[in-house]
Amino acid sequence: MMTGIRRRWAFVVPALALAAALAACGGEKQGSDEAFRIPDSLLAPIQSYGLVQDDYHPVEGGVMANREIVMQYPAAEISRFVAVKTFGIARSAWQTVTEKIGRPAEGRIILVGARDLDEYLFLTRHEWWYYGTIQGDTILFEPFEIMIKRKIAEVGITQKMAQAALIRLSGNRLPVWLREAVASYIAGERTILEAQASEFAAEGFDLDPDPERVEKDLVEAIDRGATRIAFFAAYRMLENLLETRTMEDVLRFARLLGEEEDIDAASTAAFGRAWADVIDGVRLDRGDDGEEAAVR
């Protein structure tokens, strides 16, 4: 059974099968001749993870799981070290997101690290600059090793888990710009977003796009420059919102949407204004009324 679970994918269906299989077998750790021998240097962090499964195959790769997270990673000489470090990051991310937003998944969240960037592009249709893609309770990430080398693993995994939690809270009805911004806020991503946006300032990109453009660029996520600008613009729009409202108001808005409230009714209950008025209050492009753009 575990050989089928660890098999490299097409991946969404096998990943979901993995979660079901874990539940069916009661999460018991499987032993076999193929079991990976854990180096003593890795025992200390692993012992704190509360693992119920820890399997590795030199060809098929490995699976680590506790009661909240299932992580699949590819086979490679360095993969074991990367897996232990990544699982620790994911565990901290789960705790942060659950405390500040709510659970990222009803059951376990499934994290999948691509074998390489070519596989990541094939599976997600995103290039290296995009952390990962959420598909239900599964998050497909660029290779974990690359995320660690780029020093974005903590922020990237937390940001994507936060998005998963917001999707769950809002029934996937939260505007994408607000979902991205809140997730980045929880992950502490502002400095990264600011640096990335400044990279394109000299290339003629508008750093103060209107909210409709921000939403469009984030939904499409095709052009690297436009998407980078949109990430930072969304964050700044959230900052504008938080000048007069609280994060609890934002989460209440998401919760009401998840309860199938009309967007204006949810906005009025959470923010005291219709949604169009909220958008007008946070927009960065102030050319129509002569006000200076709210650059932070």
Protein backbone atom coordinates (compact mmCIF):
# COMPACT_ATOMS: atom_id res chain seq x y z
CA MET A 1 0.00 0.00 0.00
CA MET A 2 2.75 2.49 0.90
CA THR A 3 4.55 1.92 -2.43
CA GLY A 4 1.46 3.19 -4.26
CA ILE A 5 1.21 6.13 -1.90
CA ARG A 6 4.78 7.20 -2.51
CA ARG A 7 4.69 6.85 -6.29
CA ARG A 8 5.54 10.03 -8.20
CA TRP A 9 2.53 11.58 -9.79
CA ALA A 10 0.45 13.22 -12.20
CA PHE A 11 -0.11 14.30 -8.61
CA VAL A 12 -3.38 15.66 -7.39
CA VAL A 13 -5.24 12.35 -7.36
CA PRO A 14 -2.36 10.37 -5.74
CA ALA A 15 -1.91 13.11 -3.15
CA LEU A 16 -5.53 12.90 -2.13
CA ALA A 17 -5.26 9.12 -2.15
CA LEU A 18 -2.32 9.48 0.21
CA ALA A 19 -4.40 11.37 2.74
CA ALA A 20 -7.20 8.83 2.50
CA ALA A 21 -4.80 5.93 2.86
CA LEU A 22 -3.21 7.48 5.92
CA ALA A 23 -6.60 7.83 7.54
CA ALA A 24 -7.57 4.29 6.57
CA CYS A 25 -4.46 2.76 8.14
CA GLY A 26 -4.84 4.81 11.29
CA GLY A 27 -1.66 6.77 10.62
CA GLU A 28 0.56 3.92 11.79
CA LYS A 29 4.17 4.05 10.77
CA GLN A 30 5.03 1.45 8.16
CA GLY A 31 8.17 -0.63 8.35
CA SER A 32 9.92 -2.30 5.41
CA ASP A 33 13.32 -3.29 4.07
CA GLU A 34 13.26 -0.01 2.18
CA ALA A 35 12.88 2.11 5.33
CA PHE A 36 15.32 4.99 5.49
CA ARG A 37 17.80 4.88 8.37
CA ILE A 38 17.61 8.24 10.13
CA PRO A 39 21.03 9.82 10.82
CA ASP A 40 21.65 10.63 14.47
CA SER A 41 22.14 14.32 13.59
CA LEU A 42 18.52 14.50 12.45
CA LEU A 43 16.92 12.71 15.39
CA ALA A 44 16.56 15.74 17.69
CA PRO A 45 14.27 17.84 15.45
CA ILE A 46 12.34 14.83 14.20
CA GLN A 47 11.48 13.76 17.74
CA SER A 48 9.58 17.02 18.26
CA TYR A 49 7.45 16.67 15.11
CA GLY A 50 5.00 14.08 16.43
CA LEU A 51 5.39 11.99 13.28
CA VAL A 52 2.98 9.16 12.62
CA GLN A 53 4.66 8.29 9.32
CA ASP A 54 8.20 8.65 8.04
CA ASP A 55 9.08 6.64 4.93
CA TYR A 56 11.74 7.08 2.27
CA HIS A 57 12.64 5.23 -0.90
CA PRO A 58 15.83 6.07 -2.85
CA VAL A 59 13.91 6.16 -6.14
CA GLU A 60 10.34 7.10 -5.25
CA GLY A 61 11.15 9.66 -2.57
CA GLY A 62 9.68 10.13 0.87
CA VAL A 63 6.62 10.91 2.93
CA MET A 64 6.62 12.55 6.36
CA ALA A 65 3.37 13.10 8.25
CA ASN A 66 2.01 14.08 11.61
CA ARG A 67 -1.62 14.64 12.56
CA GLU A 68 -1.86 17.97 10.71
CA ILE A 69 0.58 17.78 7.78
CA VAL A 70 1.49 15.28 5.08
CA MET A 71 4.63 16.19 3.13
CA GLN A 72 5.89 14.36 0.04
CA TYR A 73 9.38 15.04 -1.25
CA PRO A 74 11.51 13.61 -4.09
CA ALA A 75 14.46 11.28 -3.84
CA ALA A 76 17.91 12.90 -3.87
CA GLU A 77 21.09 12.81 -1.83
CA ILE A 78 20.20 16.01 0.02
CA SER A 79 16.45 15.40 0.21
CA ARG A 80 16.49 13.92 3.71
CA PHE A 81 18.12 16.99 5.25
CA VAL A 82 15.83 19.27 3.24
CA ALA A 83 12.77 17.26 4.28
CA VAL A 84 13.53 17.49 8.00
CA LYS A 85 14.12 21.24 7.77
CA THR A 86 11.06 21.82 5.58
CA PHE A 87 8.76 19.81 7.83
CA GLY A 88 9.85 21.92 10.79
CA ILE A 89 9.05 25.07 8.82
CA ALA A 90 5.68 23.65 7.79
CA ARG A 91 4.87 22.73 11.37
CA SER A 92 5.58 26.29 12.54
CA ALA A 93 3.56 27.67 9.63
CA TRP A 94 0.58 25.49 10.55
CA GLN A 95 0.69 26.73 14.13
CA THR A 96 0.94 30.39 13.10
CA VAL A 97 -1.83 30.19 10.52
CA THR A 98 -4.17 28.19 12.75
CA GLU A 99 -3.73 30.69 15.57
CA LYS A 100 -4.23 33.79 13.40
CA ILE A 101 -6.78 32.60 10.81
CA GLY A 102 -7.89 29.04 11.40
CA ARG A 103 -6.98 25.59 10.15
CA PRO A 104 -5.57 25.48 6.59
CA ALA A 105 -7.52 22.26 5.95
CA GLU A 106 -10.42 20.34 7.44
CA GLY A 107 -8.13 17.36 7.88
CA ARG A 108 -4.47 17.27 6.99
CA ILE A 109 -2.84 19.72 4.60
CA ILE A 110 -0.79 17.95 1.92
CA LEU A 111 2.46 19.62 0.85
CA VAL A 112 4.23 18.40 -2.27
CA GLY A 113 7.72 19.48 -3.28
CA ALA A 114 8.39 19.18 -7.00
CA ARG A 115 11.41 17.17 -8.14
CA ASP A 116 12.79 20.08 -10.17
CA LEU A 117 11.65 23.32 -11.79
CA ASP A 118 10.64 21.58 -15.02
CA GLU A 119 8.26 19.33 -13.10
CA TYR A 120 6.98 22.32 -11.13
CA LEU A 121 6.20 24.21 -14.35
CA PHE A 122 4.49 21.16 -15.85
CA LEU A 123 2.30 20.61 -12.80
CA THR A 124 1.38 24.20 -11.94
CA ARG A 125 1.96 26.22 -15.14
CA HIS A 126 3.98 28.62 -12.99
CA GLU A 127 7.63 29.57 -13.25
CA TRP A 128 10.24 29.57 -10.47
CA TRP A 129 9.16 32.94 -9.04
CA TYR A 130 5.76 31.66 -7.89
CA TYR A 131 5.95 29.88 -4.50
CA GLY A 132 3.26 27.28 -5.03
CA THR A 133 -0.25 26.46 -6.18
CA ILE A 134 -3.20 25.44 -4.00
CA GLN A 135 -5.45 22.64 -5.21
CA GLY A 136 -8.00 21.78 -2.55
CA ASP A 137 -6.16 20.52 0.53
CA THR A 138 -2.97 20.05 -1.50
CA ILE A 139 -0.28 22.69 -2.07
CA LEU A 140 2.17 22.05 -4.91
CA PHE A 141 5.46 23.82 -4.20
CA GLU A 142 8.55 24.56 -6.21
CA PRO A 143 11.41 22.28 -5.02
CA PHE A 144 11.83 22.66 -1.27
CA GLU A 145 15.61 22.73 -1.65
CA ILE A 146 15.38 25.77 -3.92
CA MET A 147 13.01 27.54 -1.54
CA ILE A 148 15.47 27.02 1.31
CA LYS A 149 18.42 28.22 -0.80
CA ARG A 150 16.45 31.33 -1.83
CA LYS A 151 15.61 31.92 1.86
CA ILE A 152 11.89 32.01 1.11
CA ALA A 153 10.82 28.68 2.61
CA GLU A 154 9.44 30.13 5.86
CA VAL A 155 7.60 32.98 4.19
CA GLY A 156 6.47 30.95 1.17
CA ILE A 157 5.07 27.99 3.07
CA THR A 158 3.37 30.21 5.65
CA GLN A 159 1.90 32.44 2.93
CA LYS A 160 0.43 29.51 1.02
CA MET A 161 -0.93 27.84 4.15
CA ALA A 162 -2.53 31.16 5.12
CA GLN A 163 -4.16 31.36 1.70
CA ALA A 164 -5.49 27.83 2.13
CA ALA A 165 -6.96 28.83 5.50
CA LEU A 166 -8.59 31.92 3.98
CA ILE A 167 -10.06 29.88 1.13
CA ARG A 168 -11.53 27.50 3.68
CA LEU A 169 -12.82 30.32 5.91
CA SER A 170 -14.45 32.25 3.05
CA GLY A 171 -15.68 29.35 0.95
CA ASN A 172 -13.20 30.57 -1.70
CA ARG A 173 -15.18 33.81 -2.08
CA LEU A 174 -12.63 36.30 -0.77
CA PRO A 175 -11.32 38.62 -3.53
CA VAL A 176 -7.92 37.35 -4.62
CA TRP A 177 -6.13 40.63 -3.85
CA LEU A 178 -7.35 40.54 -0.26
CA ARG A 179 -6.56 36.85 0.14
CA GLU A 180 -3.01 37.36 -1.14
CA ALA A 181 -2.51 40.46 1.01
CA VAL A 182 -3.75 38.93 4.26
CA ALA A 183 -1.65 35.80 3.68
CA SER A 184 1.43 37.97 3.03
CA TYR A 185 0.66 40.00 6.16
CA ILE A 186 0.47 36.84 8.28
CA ALA A 187 3.69 35.53 6.71
CA GLY A 188 5.59 38.81 7.28
CA GLU A 189 6.29 39.21 3.57
CA ARG A 190 6.25 43.01 3.19
CA THR A 191 10.02 43.52 2.89
CA ILE A 192 10.26 40.84 0.20
CA LEU A 193 7.32 42.28 -1.74
CA GLU A 194 8.77 45.80 -1.58
CA ALA A 195 12.15 44.64 -2.85
CA GLN A 196 10.57 42.64 -5.66
CA ALA A 197 8.38 45.55 -6.75
CA SER A 198 11.31 47.98 -6.76
CA GLU A 199 13.07 45.69 -9.24
CA PHE A 200 10.49 46.69 -11.86
CA ALA A 201 10.16 50.39 -10.99
CA ALA A 202 12.92 51.32 -13.44
CA GLU A 203 11.23 49.30 -16.19
CA GLY A 204 8.23 51.57 -16.40
CA PHE A 205 5.74 49.50 -14.39
CA ASP A 206 2.98 51.46 -12.68
CA LEU A 207 3.53 50.97 -8.96
CA ASP A 208 0.03 52.28 -8.17
CA PRO A 209 -2.34 50.16 -10.27
CA ASP A 210 -6.09 50.43 -9.80
CA PRO A 211 -7.79 47.64 -7.79
CA GLU A 212 -9.31 46.07 -10.90
CA ARG A 213 -5.86 45.74 -12.47
CA VAL A 214 -4.42 44.31 -9.25
CA GLU A 215 -7.13 41.63 -9.11
CA LYS A 216 -6.70 40.78 -12.80
CA ASP A 217 -2.92 40.43 -12.61
CA LEU A 218 -3.12 38.26 -9.49
CA VAL A 219 -5.77 35.97 -10.96
CA GLU A 220 -3.81 35.50 -14.20
CA ALA A 221 -0.33 35.43 -12.55
CA ILE A 222 1.36 35.15 -15.93
CA ASP A 223 3.71 38.10 -16.27
CA ARG A 224 6.36 38.16 -13.57
CA GLY A 225 6.71 41.94 -13.39
CA ALA A 226 2.99 42.69 -13.40
CA THR A 227 2.33 40.01 -10.81
CA ARG A 228 5.13 41.22 -8.54
CA ILE A 229 3.71 44.75 -8.68
CA ALA A 230 0.23 43.38 -7.97
CA PHE A 231 1.43 41.43 -4.92
CA PHE A 232 2.89 44.58 -3.37
CA ALA A 233 -0.04 46.75 -4.44
CA ALA A 234 -2.47 44.33 -2.78
CA TYR A 235 -0.42 44.45 0.41
CA ARG A 236 -0.50 48.26 0.40
CA MET A 237 -4.24 48.24 -0.18
CA LEU A 238 -4.60 46.05 2.91
CA GLU A 239 -2.42 48.47 4.85
CA ASN A 240 -4.78 51.27 3.82
CA LEU A 241 -7.74 49.21 5.02
CA LEU A 242 -6.06 48.49 8.35
CA GLU A 243 -5.65 52.21 9.01
CA THR A 244 -9.34 52.32 9.93
CA ARG A 245 -10.26 48.65 10.44
CA THR A 246 -8.73 45.65 12.19
CA MET A 247 -7.59 42.27 10.99
CA GLU A 248 -10.49 40.79 12.94
CA ASP A 249 -12.83 42.87 10.75
CA VAL A 250 -11.15 41.42 7.67
CA LEU A 251 -11.50 37.87 8.97
CA ARG A 252 -15.12 38.54 9.88
CA PHE A 253 -15.70 39.65 6.28
CA ALA A 254 -14.15 36.39 5.06
CA ARG A 255 -16.20 34.37 7.53
CA LEU A 256 -19.45 36.02 6.42
CA LEU A 257 -18.63 35.29 2.79
CA GLY A 258 -18.08 31.67 3.81
CA GLU A 259 -21.56 31.72 5.30
CA GLU A 260 -22.84 32.76 1.84
CA GLU A 261 -23.59 36.36 2.72
CA ASP A 262 -23.83 38.77 -0.22
CA ILE A 263 -20.54 40.65 -0.61
CA ASP A 264 -22.15 44.04 0.17
CA ALA A 265 -23.97 42.67 3.20
CA ALA A 266 -20.76 41.06 4.45
CA SER A 267 -18.81 44.26 3.80
CA THR A 268 -21.36 46.43 5.59
CA ALA A 269 -21.40 44.10 8.60
CA ALA A 270 -17.61 43.90 8.80
CA PHE A 271 -16.49 47.34 7.62
CA GLY A 272 -19.60 49.52 7.92
CA ARG A 273 -19.54 50.26 4.19
CA ALA A 274 -20.59 48.64 0.91
CA TRP A 275 -17.77 46.80 -0.87
CA ALA A 276 -17.43 49.43 -3.62
CA ASP A 277 -16.87 52.06 -0.94
CA VAL A 278 -14.24 49.89 0.74
CA ILE A 279 -12.41 49.56 -2.59
CA ASP A 280 -12.55 53.31 -3.15
CA GLY A 281 -11.08 53.84 0.31
CA VAL A 282 -8.05 51.57 -0.23
CA ARG A 283 -7.18 52.24 -3.86
CA LEU A 284 -3.67 53.43 -4.69
CA ASP A 285 -4.46 55.31 -7.90
CA ARG A 286 -5.77 58.72 -6.86
CA GLY A 287 -5.44 60.48 -10.20
CA ASP A 288 -9.19 61.02 -10.67
CA ASP A 289 -9.58 63.22 -7.62
CA GLY A 290 -6.15 64.80 -7.76
CA GLU A 291 -4.88 63.13 -4.60
CA GLU A 292 -1.39 61.77 -4.43
CA ALA A 293 -1.06 57.97 -4.62
CA ALA A 294 -0.68 56.40 -1.20
CA VAL A 295 2.83 55.05 -1.66
CA ARG A 296 4.26 53.51 1.46
